[in-house]
PDB file of N, CA and C in Angstrom:
ATOM      1  N   MET A   1       0.874  -1.250   0.036  1.00  0.00           N
ATOM      2  CA  MET A   1       0.046   0.068   0.038  1.00  0.00           C
ATOM      3  C   MET A   1       0.905   1.188   0.033  1.00  0.00           C
ATOM      4  N   ALA A   2       1.958   1.166   0.805  1.00  0.00           N
ATOM      5  CA  ALA A   2       2.823   2.547   0.904  1.00  0.00           C
ATOM      6  C   ALA A   2       3.411   2.536  -0.406  1.00  0.00           C
ATOM      7  N   PHE A   3       3.852   1.537  -1.083  1.00  0.00           N
ATOM      8  CA  PHE A   3       4.523   1.859  -2.352  1.00  0.00           C
ATOM      9  C   PHE A   3       3.574   2.389  -3.465  1.00  0.00           C
ATOM     10  N   ALA A   4       2.297   2.007  -3.407  1.00  0.00           N
ATOM     11  CA  ALA A   4       1.438   2.663  -4.287  1.00  0.00           C
ATOM     12  C   ALA A   4       1.402   4.000  -4.068  1.00  0.00           C
ATOM     13  N   VAL A   5       1.257   4.561  -2.930  1.00  0.00           N
ATOM     14  CA  VAL A   5       1.167   5.895  -2.612  1.00  0.00           C
ATOM     15  C   VAL A   5       2.348   6.721  -2.997  1.00  0.00           C
ATOM     16  N   PHE A   6       3.517   6.029  -2.733  1.00  0.00           N
ATOM     17  CA  PHE A   6       4.762   6.585  -3.192  1.00  0.00           C
ATOM     18  C   PHE A   6       4.850   6.866  -4.650  1.00  0.00           C
ATOM     19  N   ALA A   7       4.501   5.651  -5.409  1.00  0.00           N
ATOM     20  CA  ALA A   7       4.554   5.701  -6.893  1.00  0.00           C
ATOM     21  C   ALA A   7       3.645   6.856  -7.323  1.00  0.00           C
ATOM     22  N   ALA A   8       2.513   7.057  -6.777  1.00  0.00           N
ATOM     23  CA  ALA A   8       1.527   7.986  -7.179  1.00  0.00           C
ATOM     24  C   ALA A   8       2.144   9.464  -7.062  1.00  0.00           C
ATOM     25  N   ALA A   9       2.817   9.545  -5.941  1.00  0.00           N
ATOM     26  CA  ALA A   9       3.414  10.865  -5.746  1.00  0.00           C
ATOM     27  C   ALA A   9       4.501  11.207  -6.680  1.00  0.00           C
ATOM     28  N   SER A  10       5.370  10.072  -6.972  1.00  0.00           N
ATOM     29  CA  SER A  10       6.447  10.262  -7.816  1.00  0.00           C
ATOM     30  C   SER A  10       6.011  10.601  -9.352  1.00  0.00           C
ATOM     31  N   MET A  11       4.840  10.087  -9.763  1.00  0.00           N
ATOM     32  CA  MET A  11       4.198  10.329 -11.092  1.00  0.00           C
ATOM     33  C   MET A  11       3.660  11.851 -10.976  1.00  0.00           C
ATOM     34  N   THR A  12       3.248  12.197  -9.977  1.00  0.00           N
ATOM     35  CA  THR A  12       2.718  13.580 -10.011  1.00  0.00           C
ATOM     36  C   THR A  12       3.817  14.542 -10.039  1.00  0.00           C
ATOM     37  N   ALA A  13       5.007  14.399  -9.293  1.00  0.00           N
ATOM     38  CA  ALA A  13       6.017  15.044  -9.487  1.00  0.00           C
ATOM     39  C   ALA A  13       6.722  15.161 -10.793  1.00  0.00           C
ATOM     40  N   ALA A  14       6.785  14.055 -11.394  1.00  0.00           N
ATOM     41  CA  ALA A  14       7.408  13.804 -12.870  1.00  0.00           C
ATOM     42  C   ALA A  14       6.557  14.600 -13.745  1.00  0.00           C
ATOM     43  N   GLU A  15       5.089  14.621 -13.645  1.00  0.00           N
ATOM     44  CA  GLU A  15       4.132  15.285 -14.532  1.00  0.00           C
ATOM     45  C   GLU A  15       4.380  16.644 -14.413  1.00  0.00           C
ATOM     46  N   ALA A  16       4.569  17.179 -13.123  1.00  0.00           N
ATOM     47  CA  ALA A  16       4.643  18.592 -12.773  1.00  0.00           C
ATOM     48  C   ALA A  16       5.904  19.220 -13.613  1.00  0.00           C
ATOM     49  N   GLN A  17       6.969  18.327 -13.534  1.00  0.00           N
ATOM     50  CA  GLN A  17       8.202  18.915 -14.104  1.00  0.00           C
ATOM     51  C   GLN A  17       8.029  18.846 -15.620  1.00  0.00           C
ATOM     52  N   SER A  18       7.288  18.046 -16.306  1.00  0.00           N
ATOM     53  CA  SER A  18       7.058  18.110 -17.731  1.00  0.00           C
ATOM     54  C   SER A  18       6.260  19.102 -18.196  1.00  0.00           C
ATOM     55  N   LYS A  19       5.509  19.758 -17.295  1.00  0.00           N
ATOM     56  CA  LYS A  19       4.588  20.966 -17.480  1.00  0.00           C
ATOM     57  C   LYS A  19       5.278  22.253 -17.096  1.00  0.00           C
ATOM     58  N   LYS A  20       6.405  22.340 -16.711  1.00  0.00           N
ATOM     59  CA  LYS A  20       7.160  23.592 -16.170  1.00  0.00           C
ATOM     60  C   LYS A  20       7.070  24.620 -17.269  1.00  0.00           C
ATOM     61  N   ILE A  21       6.644  25.860 -16.819  1.00  0.00           N
ATOM     62  CA  ILE A  21       6.573  26.929 -17.559  1.00  0.00           C
ATOM     63  C   ILE A  21       7.864  27.612 -17.596  1.00  0.00           C
ATOM     64  N   SER A  22       8.105  28.390 -18.668  1.00  0.00           N
ATOM     65  CA  SER A  22       9.556  28.957 -18.734  1.00  0.00           C
ATOM     66  C   SER A  22       9.758  30.125 -17.724  1.00  0.00           C
ATOM     67  N   TYR A  23      10.924  30.411 -17.618  1.00  0.00           N
ATOM     68  CA  TYR A  23      11.403  31.305 -16.527  1.00  0.00           C
ATOM     69  C   TYR A  23      10.734  32.680 -16.783  1.00  0.00           C
ATOM     70  N   ASN A  24      10.825  33.168 -17.896  1.00  0.00           N
ATOM     71  CA  ASN A  24       9.948  34.454 -18.194  1.00  0.00           C
ATOM     72  C   ASN A  24       8.510  34.435 -17.926  1.00  0.00           C
ATOM     73  N   GLN A  25       7.836  33.352 -18.292  1.00  0.00           N
ATOM     74  CA  GLN A  25       6.439  33.297 -17.796  1.00  0.00           C
ATOM     75  C   GLN A  25       6.437  33.259 -16.452  1.00  0.00           C
ATOM     76  N   ALA A  26       7.100  32.484 -15.587  1.00  0.00           N
ATOM     77  CA  ALA A  26       7.252  32.412 -14.100  1.00  0.00           C
ATOM     78  C   ALA A  26       7.582  33.824 -13.584  1.00  0.00           C
ATOM     79  N   TRP A  27       8.445  34.658 -14.223  1.00  0.00           N
ATOM     80  CA  TRP A  27       8.734  35.779 -13.609  1.00  0.00           C
ATOM     81  C   TRP A  27       7.648  36.815 -13.702  1.00  0.00           C
ATOM     82  N   ALA A  28       6.898  36.662 -14.899  1.00  0.00           N
ATOM     83  CA  ALA A  28       5.766  37.688 -15.146  1.00  0.00           C
ATOM     84  C   ALA A  28       4.486  37.246 -14.297  1.00  0.00           C
ATOM     85  N   LYS A  29       4.382  36.152 -13.822  1.00  0.00           N
ATOM     86  CA  LYS A  29       3.188  35.604 -12.915  1.00  0.00           C
ATOM     87  C   LYS A  29       3.677  36.032 -11.531  1.00  0.00           C
ATOM     88  N   CYS A  30       4.872  35.946 -11.135  1.00  0.00           N
ATOM     89  CA  CYS A  30       5.334  36.303  -9.900  1.00  0.00           C
ATOM     90  C   CYS A  30       5.343  37.845  -9.726  1.00  0.00           C
ATOM     91  N   LYS A  31       5.791  38.613 -10.761  1.00  0.00           N
ATOM     92  CA  LYS A  31       5.565  40.143 -10.563  1.00  0.00           C
ATOM     93  C   LYS A  31       4.169  40.419 -10.449  1.00  0.00           C
ATOM     94  N   VAL A  32       3.160  39.892 -11.026  1.00  0.00           N
ATOM     95  CA  VAL A  32       1.854  40.266 -10.781  1.00  0.00           C
ATOM     96  C   VAL A  32       1.403  39.776  -9.304  1.00  0.00           C
ATOM     97  N   GLU A  33       1.681  38.652  -8.855  1.00  0.00           N
ATOM     98  CA  GLU A  33       1.465  38.090  -7.638  1.00  0.00           C
ATOM     99  C   GLU A  33       2.032  38.976  -6.414  1.00  0.00           C
ATOM    100  N   ILE A  34       3.287  39.253  -6.654  1.00  0.00           N
ATOM    101  CA  ILE A  34       3.883  40.001  -5.560  1.00  0.00           C
ATOM    102  C   ILE A  34       3.351  41.496  -5.677  1.00  0.00           C
ATOM    103  N   GLY A  35       3.142  42.069  -6.667  1.00  0.00           N
ATOM    104  CA  GLY A  35       2.510  43.463  -6.763  1.00  0.00           C
ATOM    105  C   GLY A  35       1.251  43.693  -6.076  1.00  0.00           C
ATOM    106  N   ALA A  36       0.490  42.518  -6.178  1.00  0.00           N
ATOM    107  CA  ALA A  36      -0.844  42.506  -5.548  1.00  0.00           C
ATOM    108  C   ALA A  36      -0.850  42.188  -4.078  1.00  0.00           C
ATOM    109  N   ASN A  37       0.112  41.374  -3.457  1.00  0.00           N
ATOM    110  CA  ASN A  37       0.281  40.835  -2.204  1.00  0.00           C
ATOM    111  C   ASN A  37       1.208  41.556  -1.187  1.00  0.00           C
ATOM    112  N   VAL A  38       2.268  42.095  -1.741  1.00  0.00           N
ATOM    113  CA  VAL A  38       3.376  42.709  -0.945  1.00  0.00           C
ATOM    114  C   VAL A  38       3.376  44.244  -1.178  1.00  0.00           C
ATOM    115  N   PRO A  39       2.860  45.024  -0.336  1.00  0.00           N
ATOM    116  CA  PRO A  39       2.762  46.425  -0.678  1.00  0.00           C
ATOM    117  C   PRO A  39       4.038  47.316  -0.529  1.00  0.00           C
ATOM    118  N   GLY A  40       4.175  48.353  -1.282  1.00  0.00           N
ATOM    119  CA  GLY A  40       5.178  49.251  -1.138  1.00  0.00           C
ATOM    120  C   GLY A  40       6.304  48.917  -2.074  1.00  0.00           C
ATOM    121  N   SER A  41       7.182  50.034  -2.226  1.00  0.00           N
ATOM    122  CA  SER A  41       8.486  49.599  -2.927  1.00  0.00           C
ATOM    123  C   SER A  41       9.585  50.420  -2.404  1.00  0.00           C
ATOM    124  N   ASP A  42       9.561  51.020  -1.108  1.00  0.00           N
ATOM    125  CA  ASP A  42      10.675  51.648  -0.523  1.00  0.00           C
ATOM    126  C   ASP A  42      11.642  50.718  -0.010  1.00  0.00           C
ATOM    127  N   THR A  43      12.563  51.236   0.660  1.00  0.00           N
ATOM    128  CA  THR A  43      13.738  50.291   1.254  1.00  0.00           C
ATOM    129  C   THR A  43      13.339  49.316   2.321  1.00  0.00           C
ATOM    130  N   THR A  44      12.274  49.897   3.060  1.00  0.00           N
ATOM    131  CA  THR A  44      11.893  49.020   4.186  1.00  0.00           C
ATOM    132  C   THR A  44      11.162  47.767   3.733  1.00  0.00           C
ATOM    133  N   THR A  45      10.612  47.800   2.685  1.00  0.00           N
ATOM    134  CA  THR A  45       9.792  46.586   2.208  1.00  0.00           C
ATOM    135  C   THR A  45      10.546  45.827   0.973  1.00  0.00           C
ATOM    136  N   SER A  46      11.769  46.361   0.579  1.00  0.00           N
ATOM    137  CA  SER A  46      12.356  45.806  -0.664  1.00  0.00           C
ATOM    138  C   SER A  46      12.930  44.411  -0.248  1.00  0.00           C
ATOM    139  N   ALA A  47      13.228  44.056   1.029  1.00  0.00           N
ATOM    140  CA  ALA A  47      13.745  42.694   1.372  1.00  0.00           C
ATOM    141  C   ALA A  47      12.454  41.778   1.448  1.00  0.00           C
ATOM    142  N   ALA A  48      11.365  42.253   1.905  1.00  0.00           N
ATOM    143  CA  ALA A  48      10.110  41.620   2.017  1.00  0.00           C
ATOM    144  C   ALA A  48       9.804  41.213   0.335  1.00  0.00           C
ATOM    145  N   ARG A  49       9.780  42.129  -0.522  1.00  0.00           N
ATOM    146  CA  ARG A  49       9.562  41.902  -1.845  1.00  0.00           C
ATOM    147  C   ARG A  49      10.617  40.936  -2.585  1.00  0.00           C
ATOM    148  N   ALA A  50      11.925  41.037  -2.195  1.00  0.00           N
ATOM    149  CA  ALA A  50      12.793  40.044  -2.774  1.00  0.00           C
ATOM    150  C   ALA A  50      12.560  38.678  -2.253  1.00  0.00           C
ATOM    151  N   SER A  51      12.270  38.586  -0.974  1.00  0.00           N
ATOM    152  CA  SER A  51      11.944  37.305  -0.371  1.00  0.00           C
ATOM    153  C   SER A  51      10.739  36.567  -0.904  1.00  0.00           C
ATOM    154  N   ALA A  52       9.749  37.452  -1.091  1.00  0.00           N
ATOM    155  CA  ALA A  52       8.563  36.811  -1.653  1.00  0.00           C
ATOM    156  C   ALA A  52       8.850  36.556  -3.104  1.00  0.00           C
ATOM    157  N   GLY A  53       9.593  37.241  -3.863  1.00  0.00           N
ATOM    158  CA  GLY A  53       9.863  36.959  -5.369  1.00  0.00           C
ATOM    159  C   GLY A  53      10.545  35.554  -5.334  1.00  0.00           C
ATOM    160  N   GLY A  54      11.531  35.329  -4.542  1.00  0.00           N
ATOM    161  CA  GLY A  54      12.338  34.272  -4.622  1.00  0.00           C
ATOM    162  C   GLY A  54      11.484  33.034  -4.142  1.00  0.00           C
ATOM    163  N   ALA A  55      10.499  33.168  -3.288  1.00  0.00           N
ATOM    164  CA  ALA A  55       9.714  32.073  -2.878  1.00  0.00           C
ATOM    165  C   ALA A  55       8.750  31.741  -3.998  1.00  0.00           C
ATOM    166  N   CYS A  56       8.208  32.797  -4.679  1.00  0.00           N
ATOM    167  CA  CYS A  56       7.495  32.525  -5.797  1.00  0.00           C
ATOM    168  C   CYS A  56       8.072  31.860  -6.939  1.00  0.00           C
ATOM    169  N   MET A  57       9.234  32.022  -7.163  1.00  0.00           N
ATOM    170  CA  MET A  57      10.065  31.473  -8.401  1.00  0.00           C
ATOM    171  C   MET A  57      10.366  30.150  -8.059  1.00  0.00           C
ATOM    172  N   LYS A  58      10.631  29.883  -6.682  1.00  0.00           N
ATOM    173  CA  LYS A  58      10.866  28.468  -6.251  1.00  0.00           C
ATOM    174  C   LYS A  58       9.524  27.579  -6.331  1.00  0.00           C
ATOM    175  N   LYS A  59       8.398  28.339  -6.365  1.00  0.00           N
ATOM    176  CA  LYS A  59       7.164  27.703  -6.496  1.00  0.00           C
ATOM    177  C   LYS A  59       7.032  27.122  -7.884  1.00  0.00           C
ATOM    178  N   TYR A  60       7.630  27.745  -8.840  1.00  0.00           N
ATOM    179  CA  TYR A  60       7.605  27.291 -10.260  1.00  0.00           C
ATOM    180  C   TYR A  60       8.877  26.443 -10.746  1.00  0.00           C
ATOM    181  N   GLY A  61       9.760  26.226  -9.670  1.00  0.00           N
ATOM    182  CA  GLY A  61      10.811  25.297 -10.052  1.00  0.00           C
ATOM    183  C   GLY A  61      12.109  26.066 -10.433  1.00  0.00           C
ATOM    184  N   TYR A  62      12.183  27.382 -10.150  1.00  0.00           N
ATOM    185  CA  TYR A  62      13.371  28.127 -10.486  1.00  0.00           C
ATOM    186  C   TYR A  62      14.003  28.636  -9.096  1.00  0.00           C
ATOM    187  N   ARG A  63      15.183  28.924  -9.117  1.00  0.00           N
ATOM    188  CA  ARG A  63      15.866  29.437  -8.050  1.00  0.00           C
ATOM    189  C   ARG A  63      16.677  30.902  -8.419  1.00  0.00           C
ATOM    190  N   LEU A  64      16.463  31.805  -7.576  1.00  0.00           N
ATOM    191  CA  LEU A  64      17.270  33.106  -7.984  1.00  0.00           C
ATOM    192  C   LEU A  64      18.685  33.041  -7.320  1.00  0.00           C
ATOM    193  N   LYS A  65      19.708  33.343  -8.235  1.00  0.00           N
ATOM    194  CA  LYS A  65      20.980  33.521  -7.818  1.00  0.00           C
ATOM    195  C   LYS A  65      21.272  34.634  -7.273  1.00  0.00           C
ATOM    196  N   LYS A  66      22.327  34.587  -6.266  1.00  0.00           N
ATOM    197  CA  LYS A  66      22.858  35.953  -5.709  1.00  0.00           C
ATOM    198  C   LYS A  66      23.835  36.586  -6.476  1.00  0.00           C
TER     199      LYS A  66
END
């Protein structure tokens, strides 16, 4: 039984990777999402916006480089 659950989870992850959107599409979606959810653009909120942007891109399978 546990094997069947693991196999189903593995297939779902493999399917998700094959449907990965491009970096530019992910960036566009994240810009919209962050703009709506993280207020402000001054220096006090820039760290919050950068963190939210990194988390959003990770959700789509990309990682931001330093």
